[in-house]
Amino acid sequence: MTSIATGVADTVTKLRETFATGRTRDIDWRRTQLRRLEQLMTENEERIADALATDLDRKPFEAWLADSAGTAAEARYAAKHVKKWTRRRHRLLELAQLPGRGWVEYEPYGTVLIIGAWNFPFYLTLGPLVGALAAGNTVVLKPSEIAPASSRLMAELVPRYLDTEAIAVVEGDGAVSQELIAQGFDRVMFTGGTEIGRKIMAGAAEHLTPVTLELGGKSPCIVAADADIDVAAKRIAWTKLLNSGQTCVAPDYVLADATIRDELVAKIGEAIIGFRSEEPHGMKIVNERQFNRLTSYLTATKGAVALGGGTDAASLRIEPTVIVDPDPAEALMTNEIFGPILPVITVASIEDAIAFVNARPKPLAAYLFTKTRAVREKAINRVPSGGMLVNHLVFQVSTAKLPFGGVGPSGMGAYHGRWGFEEFSHRKTVLTKPTRPDVSAMIYPPYTEKAWKLARRLF
């Protein structure tokens, strides 16, 4: 056994031993850990912002908004509601089941693995931890090695704030992730790309380990003819600039009605220029591999570059770029972009826009700008996606009152708020029956005509 395998196995064994004691099932323990997690985020905002600046060139406000504030709010909300979430859910039974009582018992899975992503390393690693702790599990956290400063900081802070016998951080590359999955966890959650998600699922299948996959895809943004173009342009530009476009729910491409396309493209360009007036340089890409992938899209596109297009290999920066009507078959339109490049496709109608989206794999998110209820309802009812947001973008990720998750190749399972608690809980059926009087005696063998008639009436 290698040193990596030995270290991983020892860590997982310790957590399983802790779970076996029953300590993590205690509601007070869960509340304490959740409140300590909130403290971790609020007391270390500056250090977290510094790590995100090092890894991703993130602005302090965006670091606070996207990673610190969101994670702290999730933990605070869960600490407030976890006692209510764990209550038994009693069900009214059918006549054939009487006398008896039945309920759903929320039971922790045991020891779970959370593999985080590099683009929002704290929110996408410690955010899922909220649901896992609320459910009463012991947890291994595996931060992404692509954001090393953030990974190191998590490895330092988590044991300082949380129960070291129940929560552990394991750093490393893909080989470490594979070794972790080989341990046969009780549940695995992974956030990242679809291809790696397939590998995670295949590895988990060896142990029949249930998985939650938060993946990605090409999230469309439909702008109807009646949309408020000024607001739509600003909101599209802002969310595409967040984290240099390296966001799983960023608008991957825009489908613009032909009657407003030129105005929309112009106003998106104006918004991008205005938002970046104090930082005229290109947007930082996380590493050379991602930079080369994105620049290859720019080189190969058949669309018209309406804004940007500049790149700097030395600094791994790409100018925010708007490309009008690229070929739907080119790499820019068949792969998730995950960068500061925004294709705008011209469509003749809302029907054409819906048909375009539905001809492609189901996305993690779908966006629509319209003032018309009929258009809104048509898109909601006919566009399958992990979630849909009307007249804004990405905010569906940041509420604890709604589930967030993908569908099809964009993922499986959902979390945030109560849904995170349920995702990391086994819903155990409990049915209790009295022994006296023994009403089952009437259906014991030998089966009589009277028993047959009674059974037919009951069932």
Protein backbone atom coordinates (compact mmCIF):
# COMPACT_ATOMS: atom_id res chain seq x y z
CA MET A 1 0.00 0.00 0.00
CA THR A 2 1.36 3.45 -0.96
CA SER A 3 1.85 6.24 1.55
CA ILE A 4 -1.08 8.10 -0.07
CA ALA A 5 -3.34 5.08 0.26
CA THR A 6 -2.27 4.49 3.86
CA GLY A 7 -2.89 8.09 4.87
CA VAL A 8 -6.28 8.18 3.17
CA ALA A 9 -7.35 4.85 4.67
CA ASP A 10 -6.30 5.92 8.17
CA THR A 11 -8.23 9.18 7.89
CA VAL A 12 -11.40 7.47 6.70
CA THR A 13 -11.12 4.79 9.39
CA LYS A 14 -10.91 7.45 12.10
CA LEU A 15 -14.03 9.20 10.80
CA ARG A 16 -15.94 5.94 10.60
CA GLU A 17 -15.03 5.17 14.19
CA THR A 18 -16.33 8.58 15.22
CA PHE A 19 -19.59 8.04 13.38
CA ALA A 20 -20.02 4.66 15.06
CA THR A 21 -20.04 6.36 18.48
CA GLY A 22 -23.26 8.17 17.56
CA ARG A 23 -21.83 11.56 18.51
CA THR A 24 -22.64 13.23 15.20
CA ARG A 25 -26.32 12.28 15.45
CA ASP A 26 -26.77 14.67 18.36
CA ILE A 27 -28.60 17.86 17.32
CA ASP A 28 -26.48 20.05 19.59
CA TRP A 29 -23.31 18.68 17.97
CA ARG A 30 -24.67 19.48 14.52
CA ARG A 31 -25.66 23.00 15.54
CA THR A 32 -22.26 23.62 17.10
CA GLN A 33 -20.40 22.52 13.96
CA LEU A 34 -22.63 24.66 11.73
CA ARG A 35 -22.13 27.72 13.90
CA ARG A 36 -18.39 27.12 13.96
CA LEU A 37 -18.41 26.87 10.18
CA GLU A 38 -20.16 30.23 10.00
CA GLN A 39 -17.47 31.63 12.31
CA LEU A 40 -14.75 30.20 10.10
CA MET A 41 -16.11 32.14 7.14
CA THR A 42 -16.84 35.44 8.90
CA GLU A 43 -13.66 35.60 11.00
CA ASN A 44 -11.36 34.87 8.05
CA GLU A 45 -12.89 36.98 5.28
CA GLU A 46 -9.63 38.81 4.55
CA ARG A 47 -7.53 35.64 4.39
CA ILE A 48 -10.10 33.95 2.19
CA ALA A 49 -10.13 36.96 -0.14
CA ASP A 50 -6.33 36.88 -0.31
CA ALA A 51 -6.34 33.19 -1.22
CA LEU A 52 -8.95 33.76 -3.93
CA ALA A 53 -6.95 36.68 -5.30
CA THR A 54 -3.87 34.47 -5.48
CA ASP A 55 -5.66 31.57 -7.16
CA LEU A 56 -8.16 33.39 -9.35
CA ASP A 57 -7.37 37.11 -9.33
CA ARG A 58 -10.72 37.59 -7.57
CA LYS A 59 -11.76 41.06 -6.39
CA PRO A 60 -12.36 41.36 -2.62
CA PHE A 61 -16.07 42.20 -3.02
CA GLU A 62 -16.65 39.27 -5.36
CA ALA A 63 -14.71 36.98 -3.00
CA TRP A 64 -16.97 38.02 -0.14
CA LEU A 65 -20.19 37.83 -2.18
CA ALA A 66 -19.57 34.53 -3.94
CA ASP A 67 -17.61 32.50 -1.38
CA SER A 68 -17.65 33.96 2.13
CA ALA A 69 -21.13 35.45 2.54
CA GLY A 70 -22.93 32.62 0.77
CA THR A 71 -21.27 29.86 2.78
CA ALA A 72 -21.76 31.67 6.09
CA ALA A 73 -25.44 32.29 5.31
CA GLU A 74 -25.98 28.61 4.43
CA ALA A 75 -24.43 27.50 7.72
CA ARG A 76 -26.41 30.04 9.74
CA TYR A 77 -29.70 29.00 8.10
CA ALA A 78 -29.04 25.31 8.67
CA ALA A 79 -28.12 25.83 12.34
CA LYS A 80 -31.44 27.60 12.83
CA HIS A 81 -33.56 24.94 11.14
CA VAL A 82 -31.77 21.62 11.64
CA LYS A 83 -33.89 20.52 14.61
CA LYS A 84 -37.07 20.96 12.58
CA TRP A 85 -35.57 19.16 9.58
CA THR A 86 -34.76 16.07 11.65
CA ARG A 87 -38.28 15.60 13.01
CA ARG A 88 -40.08 12.44 12.11
CA ARG A 89 -42.55 12.85 9.24
CA HIS A 90 -45.59 10.85 10.30
CA ARG A 91 -47.86 9.54 7.55
CA LEU A 92 -51.55 8.59 7.63
CA LEU A 93 -51.69 4.89 6.78
CA GLU A 94 -54.14 2.99 4.60
CA LEU A 95 -56.93 0.99 6.23
CA ALA A 96 -55.11 -2.26 5.42
CA GLN A 97 -52.13 -1.11 7.52
CA LEU A 98 -54.18 -0.41 10.65
CA PRO A 99 -53.60 -0.69 13.51
CA GLY A 100 -50.16 0.77 13.12
CA ARG A 101 -48.08 3.92 12.88
CA GLY A 102 -45.67 4.93 10.14
CA TRP A 103 -43.15 7.68 9.62
CA VAL A 104 -40.03 8.74 7.75
CA GLU A 105 -36.87 8.86 9.86
CA TYR A 106 -34.00 10.99 8.56
CA GLU A 107 -30.82 9.04 9.16
CA PRO A 108 -27.26 10.16 8.34
CA TYR A 109 -25.54 8.10 5.66
CA GLY A 110 -22.36 7.72 7.69
CA THR A 111 -19.01 8.92 6.35
CA VAL A 112 -19.29 11.00 3.19
CA LEU A 113 -16.85 12.51 0.70
CA ILE A 114 -17.15 16.01 -0.76
CA ILE A 115 -14.91 16.83 -3.72
CA GLY A 116 -14.91 20.58 -4.33
CA ALA A 117 -14.29 22.70 -7.42
CA TRP A 118 -11.59 25.28 -8.09
CA ASN A 119 -13.70 28.15 -9.46
CA PHE A 120 -15.48 28.93 -6.16
CA PRO A 121 -13.33 26.78 -3.89
CA PHE A 122 -14.83 27.73 -0.52
CA TYR A 123 -18.49 27.91 -1.54
CA LEU A 124 -18.35 24.69 -3.57
CA THR A 125 -16.47 22.74 -0.89
CA LEU A 126 -17.74 24.14 2.41
CA GLY A 127 -21.23 24.89 1.07
CA PRO A 128 -22.03 21.18 0.58
CA LEU A 129 -20.46 20.54 4.00
CA VAL A 130 -23.41 22.40 5.51
CA GLY A 131 -25.89 19.76 4.37
CA ALA A 132 -23.58 16.91 5.33
CA LEU A 133 -23.14 18.25 8.88
CA ALA A 134 -26.83 19.09 9.28
CA ALA A 135 -27.61 15.48 8.41
CA GLY A 136 -25.16 14.20 11.06
CA ASN A 137 -22.44 12.67 8.90
CA THR A 138 -18.69 12.57 9.32
CA VAL A 139 -17.02 14.17 6.31
CA VAL A 140 -13.86 14.12 4.22
CA LEU A 141 -13.33 17.35 2.27
CA LYS A 142 -11.18 17.20 -0.86
CA PRO A 143 -10.51 20.76 -2.14
CA SER A 144 -9.37 21.26 -5.72
CA GLU A 145 -5.61 21.29 -6.25
CA ILE A 146 -6.12 23.81 -9.08
CA ALA A 147 -6.76 26.48 -6.41
CA PRO A 148 -3.77 25.67 -4.15
CA ALA A 149 -3.85 28.75 -1.91
CA SER A 150 -7.52 28.14 -1.13
CA SER A 151 -6.89 24.44 -0.55
CA ARG A 152 -4.07 25.17 1.90
CA LEU A 153 -6.18 27.68 3.79
CA MET A 154 -9.06 25.22 4.13
CA ALA A 155 -6.63 22.57 5.38
CA GLU A 156 -5.47 25.04 8.03
CA LEU A 157 -8.82 26.49 9.11
CA VAL A 158 -11.16 23.49 9.09
CA PRO A 159 -9.35 21.61 11.90
CA ARG A 160 -9.04 24.83 13.86
CA TYR A 161 -12.79 25.43 13.89
CA LEU A 162 -14.47 22.04 13.43
CA ASP A 163 -14.40 18.67 15.19
CA THR A 164 -11.17 17.04 13.99
CA GLU A 165 -12.46 13.55 14.78
CA ALA A 166 -15.45 14.04 12.47
CA ILE A 167 -14.32 16.38 9.66
CA ALA A 168 -11.03 16.06 7.77
CA VAL A 169 -9.44 17.86 4.82
CA VAL A 170 -7.42 15.72 2.41
CA GLU A 171 -5.38 17.65 -0.15
CA GLY A 172 -3.96 16.34 -3.40
CA ASP A 173 -4.51 15.72 -7.09
CA GLY A 174 -6.69 13.33 -9.05
CA ALA A 175 -4.79 10.31 -7.74
CA VAL A 176 -5.82 11.25 -4.21
CA SER A 177 -9.44 11.61 -5.32
CA GLN A 178 -9.31 8.14 -6.85
CA GLU A 179 -7.84 6.69 -3.67
CA LEU A 180 -10.56 8.38 -1.63
CA ILE A 181 -13.35 7.01 -3.81
CA ALA A 182 -11.80 3.54 -3.50
CA GLN A 183 -12.53 3.68 0.26
CA GLY A 184 -16.21 3.00 -0.38
CA PHE A 185 -17.80 6.05 1.26
CA ASP A 186 -21.46 6.05 2.23
CA ARG A 187 -22.09 8.96 -0.16
CA VAL A 188 -19.98 11.07 -2.53
CA MET A 189 -20.64 14.59 -3.77
CA PHE A 190 -18.62 16.04 -6.63
CA THR A 191 -18.71 19.50 -8.19
CA GLY A 192 -16.90 19.97 -11.49
CA GLY A 193 -16.91 19.07 -15.16
CA THR A 194 -19.07 16.44 -16.81
CA GLU A 195 -16.18 14.24 -17.95
CA ILE A 196 -14.66 14.01 -14.47
CA GLY A 197 -18.17 13.50 -13.11
CA ARG A 198 -18.50 10.36 -15.23
CA LYS A 199 -15.24 9.04 -13.76
CA ILE A 200 -16.38 9.80 -10.22
CA MET A 201 -19.64 7.96 -10.85
CA ALA A 202 -17.83 4.98 -12.36
CA GLY A 203 -15.49 4.76 -9.36
CA ALA A 204 -18.39 5.03 -6.92
CA ALA A 205 -20.28 2.30 -8.78
CA GLU A 206 -17.63 -0.23 -7.70
CA HIS A 207 -18.98 0.14 -4.16
CA LEU A 208 -22.58 1.03 -5.08
CA THR A 209 -21.93 4.38 -3.44
CA PRO A 210 -24.71 6.91 -4.13
CA VAL A 211 -23.47 10.13 -5.72
CA THR A 212 -24.50 13.74 -6.03
CA LEU A 213 -23.03 15.37 -9.13
CA GLU A 214 -23.08 19.13 -9.66
CA LEU A 215 -21.70 19.48 -13.15
CA GLY A 216 -22.23 22.11 -15.83
CA GLY A 217 -23.00 22.40 -19.51
CA LYS A 218 -24.00 25.20 -21.83
CA SER A 219 -26.51 27.34 -19.96
CA PRO A 220 -28.52 29.42 -22.47
CA CYS A 221 -29.88 32.92 -22.01
CA ILE A 222 -32.91 33.72 -24.15
CA VAL A 223 -33.64 37.40 -24.73
CA ALA A 224 -37.14 37.83 -26.16
CA ALA A 225 -38.22 40.69 -28.41
CA ASP A 226 -40.14 42.36 -25.56
CA ALA A 227 -37.30 42.20 -23.00
CA ASP A 228 -35.96 45.23 -21.13
CA ILE A 229 -32.76 45.45 -23.17
CA ASP A 230 -30.96 47.92 -20.90
CA VAL A 231 -31.36 45.73 -17.83
CA ALA A 232 -30.79 42.46 -19.69
CA ALA A 233 -27.51 43.73 -21.17
CA LYS A 234 -26.14 44.83 -17.79
CA ARG A 235 -27.12 41.64 -16.02
CA ILE A 236 -25.71 39.42 -18.76
CA ALA A 237 -22.45 41.39 -18.83
CA TRP A 238 -22.04 41.37 -15.05
CA THR A 239 -22.62 37.64 -14.62
CA LYS A 240 -20.39 36.77 -17.57
CA LEU A 241 -17.57 38.84 -16.05
CA LEU A 242 -17.87 37.20 -12.61
CA ASN A 243 -14.79 35.07 -11.99
CA SER A 244 -13.71 35.69 -15.60
CA GLY A 245 -16.70 33.70 -16.81
CA GLN A 246 -15.40 30.61 -14.99
CA THR A 247 -18.75 29.88 -13.39
CA CYS A 248 -20.86 26.77 -13.93
CA VAL A 249 -24.09 28.78 -14.09
CA ALA A 250 -22.74 31.69 -16.17
CA PRO A 251 -24.68 32.40 -19.37
CA ASP A 252 -22.80 30.25 -21.86
CA TYR A 253 -24.48 31.80 -24.89
CA VAL A 254 -27.30 34.21 -25.69
CA LEU A 255 -30.22 33.57 -28.03
CA ALA A 256 -31.41 37.02 -29.11
CA ASP A 257 -34.53 37.81 -31.10
CA ALA A 258 -33.53 39.22 -34.48
CA THR A 259 -35.45 42.46 -33.87
CA ILE A 260 -33.34 43.39 -30.84
CA ARG A 261 -30.07 41.57 -31.45
CA ASP A 262 -27.98 44.53 -32.62
CA GLU A 263 -29.19 46.74 -29.78
CA LEU A 264 -28.52 43.99 -27.25
CA VAL A 265 -24.99 43.32 -28.54
CA ALA A 266 -24.16 47.02 -28.45
CA LYS A 267 -25.47 47.45 -24.91
CA ILE A 268 -23.71 44.34 -23.63
CA GLY A 269 -20.50 45.83 -25.02
CA GLU A 270 -21.19 49.17 -23.33
CA ALA A 271 -21.88 47.44 -20.03
CA ILE A 272 -18.68 45.38 -20.20
CA ILE A 273 -16.60 48.48 -20.93
CA GLY A 274 -18.31 50.40 -18.13
CA PHE A 275 -17.93 47.64 -15.57
CA ARG A 276 -14.22 47.30 -16.37
CA SER A 277 -13.26 50.97 -16.62
CA GLU A 278 -10.78 50.62 -13.75
CA GLU A 279 -9.22 47.39 -15.04
CA PRO A 280 -8.69 47.55 -18.79
CA HIS A 281 -6.56 44.40 -18.96
CA GLY A 282 -7.96 41.02 -19.91
CA MET A 283 -9.65 38.58 -17.55
CA LYS A 284 -7.40 36.13 -15.69
CA ILE A 285 -7.78 32.46 -16.65
CA VAL A 286 -6.96 29.88 -14.00
CA ASN A 287 -4.16 28.03 -15.83
CA GLU A 288 -2.41 27.53 -19.17
CA ARG A 289 -4.51 24.53 -20.14
CA GLN A 290 -7.75 26.46 -19.80
CA PHE A 291 -6.22 29.51 -21.50
CA ASN A 292 -5.15 27.45 -24.52
CA ARG A 293 -8.57 25.83 -24.76
CA LEU A 294 -10.32 29.21 -24.80
CA THR A 295 -7.93 30.82 -27.28
CA SER A 296 -8.45 27.87 -29.62
CA TYR A 297 -12.16 28.73 -29.67
CA LEU A 298 -11.33 32.32 -30.62
CA THR A 299 -8.98 31.22 -33.38
CA ALA A 300 -11.44 28.78 -34.91
CA THR A 301 -14.69 30.72 -34.66
CA LYS A 302 -16.62 31.64 -37.79
CA GLY A 303 -18.62 34.27 -35.95
CA ALA A 304 -18.12 38.03 -36.03
CA VAL A 305 -16.15 39.46 -33.10
CA ALA A 306 -18.20 42.42 -31.88
CA LEU A 307 -16.06 43.17 -28.82
CA GLY A 308 -12.68 42.10 -27.44
CA GLY A 309 -10.84 39.09 -28.79
CA GLY A 310 -7.41 40.02 -27.43
CA THR A 311 -5.28 37.53 -25.49
CA ASP A 312 -2.00 37.58 -23.54
CA ALA A 313 -0.36 34.20 -23.03
CA ALA A 314 2.25 35.58 -20.63
CA SER A 315 -0.35 36.69 -18.09
CA LEU A 316 -3.04 34.14 -19.06
CA ARG A 317 -5.52 36.92 -19.76
CA ILE A 318 -8.32 37.11 -22.30
CA GLU A 319 -10.34 40.22 -23.09
CA PRO A 320 -14.10 39.87 -22.56
CA THR A 321 -15.27 38.89 -26.01
CA VAL A 322 -18.67 38.98 -27.71
CA ILE A 323 -19.03 36.86 -30.85
CA VAL A 324 -22.12 37.18 -33.05
CA ASP A 325 -23.53 34.15 -34.86
CA PRO A 326 -20.76 31.55 -34.62
CA ASP A 327 -21.38 28.26 -36.40
CA PRO A 328 -23.54 26.09 -34.07
CA ALA A 329 -21.30 23.13 -34.95
CA GLU A 330 -17.98 24.75 -33.98
CA ALA A 331 -16.17 24.02 -30.72
CA LEU A 332 -17.30 27.31 -29.17
CA MET A 333 -20.90 26.14 -29.42
CA THR A 334 -20.48 22.44 -28.65
CA ASN A 335 -18.28 22.67 -25.53
CA GLU A 336 -18.96 24.47 -22.26
CA ILE A 337 -17.05 27.76 -22.61
CA PHE A 338 -16.20 28.47 -18.95
CA GLY A 339 -14.47 31.75 -19.75
CA PRO A 340 -15.07 35.40 -20.75
CA ILE A 341 -16.38 34.63 -24.24
CA LEU A 342 -20.06 35.25 -25.03
CA PRO A 343 -21.62 33.99 -28.27
CA VAL A 344 -24.83 35.72 -29.36
CA ILE A 345 -27.02 33.67 -31.69
CA THR A 346 -29.79 35.30 -33.73
CA VAL A 347 -33.22 33.63 -33.58
CA ALA A 348 -36.45 34.53 -35.34
CA SER A 349 -38.81 33.77 -32.45
CA ILE A 350 -39.17 32.33 -28.97
CA GLU A 351 -40.14 29.06 -30.64
CA ASP A 352 -36.82 28.95 -32.49
CA ALA A 353 -34.94 29.74 -29.28
CA ILE A 354 -36.65 26.91 -27.40
CA ALA A 355 -35.99 24.50 -30.27
CA PHE A 356 -32.29 25.49 -30.30
CA VAL A 357 -31.91 24.77 -26.57
CA ASN A 358 -33.86 21.52 -26.69
CA ALA A 359 -31.71 20.16 -29.52
CA ARG A 360 -28.79 20.11 -27.08
CA PRO A 361 -28.01 18.38 -23.75
CA LYS A 362 -30.01 19.58 -20.75
CA PRO A 363 -28.18 22.52 -19.12
CA LEU A 364 -27.56 23.27 -15.47
CA ALA A 365 -29.37 26.60 -15.81
CA ALA A 366 -31.56 28.38 -18.32
CA TYR A 367 -32.25 32.12 -18.37
CA LEU A 368 -34.98 34.19 -19.97
CA PHE A 369 -35.56 37.92 -20.32
CA THR A 370 -39.14 38.88 -21.16
CA LYS A 371 -41.97 41.10 -19.94
CA THR A 372 -44.68 38.73 -21.15
CA ARG A 373 -46.25 36.10 -18.94
CA ALA A 374 -47.14 33.88 -21.90
CA VAL A 375 -43.51 33.84 -23.09
CA ARG A 376 -42.29 33.15 -19.57
CA GLU A 377 -44.67 30.22 -19.06
CA LYS A 378 -43.86 28.76 -22.47
CA ALA A 379 -40.14 28.72 -21.68
CA ILE A 380 -40.62 27.37 -18.15
CA ASN A 381 -42.82 24.55 -19.40
CA ARG A 382 -40.81 23.60 -22.47
CA VAL A 383 -37.12 24.12 -21.63
CA PRO A 384 -35.74 21.29 -19.44
CA SER A 385 -32.87 22.43 -17.21
CA GLY A 386 -31.54 22.10 -13.69
CA GLY A 387 -33.13 25.45 -12.87
CA MET A 388 -34.54 28.51 -14.60
CA LEU A 389 -34.27 32.18 -13.72
CA VAL A 390 -36.40 34.85 -15.38
CA ASN A 391 -35.08 38.40 -15.86
CA HIS A 392 -31.82 37.80 -14.01
CA LEU A 393 -28.96 35.31 -13.84
CA VAL A 394 -27.11 33.08 -11.30
CA PHE A 395 -29.16 34.14 -8.24
CA GLN A 396 -30.86 30.75 -8.14
CA VAL A 397 -27.59 29.39 -6.71
CA SER A 398 -27.54 31.66 -3.68
CA THR A 399 -30.82 30.91 -1.89
CA ALA A 400 -31.29 28.35 0.85
CA LYS A 401 -35.04 28.32 0.15
CA LEU A 402 -34.77 26.52 -3.22
CA PRO A 403 -32.89 23.38 -4.34
CA PHE A 404 -29.94 23.73 -6.71
CA GLY A 405 -28.92 20.88 -8.98
CA GLY A 406 -28.59 19.63 -12.51
CA VAL A 407 -30.47 17.23 -14.75
CA GLY A 408 -29.12 14.72 -17.25
CA PRO A 409 -25.49 15.51 -18.16
CA SER A 410 -25.55 18.66 -16.00
CA GLY A 411 -25.80 16.61 -12.83
CA MET A 412 -27.95 14.64 -10.42
CA GLY A 413 -29.22 15.44 -6.96
CA ALA A 414 -29.69 18.86 -5.39
CA TYR A 415 -28.66 20.78 -2.30
CA HIS A 416 -28.90 24.08 -0.35
CA GLY A 417 -31.06 24.55 2.71
CA ARG A 418 -33.38 21.67 3.57
CA TRP A 419 -32.52 20.01 0.25
CA GLY A 420 -28.88 19.72 1.29
CA PHE A 421 -29.93 18.09 4.55
CA GLU A 422 -32.13 15.61 2.66
CA GLU A 423 -29.44 14.91 0.06
CA PHE A 424 -27.08 13.73 2.79
CA SER A 425 -29.78 11.84 4.72
CA HIS A 426 -31.25 8.40 4.19
CA ARG A 427 -35.04 8.54 4.39
CA LYS A 428 -35.71 5.43 6.46
CA THR A 429 -39.22 3.99 6.53
CA VAL A 430 -40.41 3.01 10.01
CA LEU A 431 -43.64 1.09 10.57
CA THR A 432 -44.75 -0.11 14.02
CA LYS A 433 -47.52 -2.63 14.74
CA PRO A 434 -49.14 -3.85 17.97
CA THR A 435 -48.99 -7.55 18.80
CA ARG A 436 -52.37 -7.62 20.58
CA PRO A 437 -54.99 -8.00 19.35
CA ASP A 438 -53.40 -10.07 16.58
CA VAL A 439 -55.59 -8.86 13.71
CA SER A 440 -53.35 -10.67 11.21
CA ALA A 441 -54.77 -13.97 12.51
CA MET A 442 -57.67 -13.64 10.08
CA ILE A 443 -55.31 -13.87 7.09
CA TYR A 444 -53.03 -16.65 8.33
CA PRO A 445 -53.19 -19.98 6.46
CA PRO A 446 -55.22 -21.97 5.82
CA TYR A 447 -56.91 -19.30 3.68
CA THR A 448 -60.67 -19.27 4.03
CA GLU A 449 -63.36 -17.70 1.90
CA LYS A 450 -63.98 -15.23 4.73
CA ALA A 451 -60.31 -14.17 4.73
CA TRP A 452 -60.41 -13.76 0.95
CA LYS A 453 -63.44 -11.46 1.11
CA LEU A 454 -61.93 -9.41 3.94
CA ALA A 455 -58.63 -8.97 2.08
CA ARG A 456 -60.46 -7.77 -1.03
CA ARG A 457 -62.32 -5.15 1.02
CA LEU A 458 -59.13 -3.92 2.70
CA PHE A 459 -56.94 -3.72 -0.39
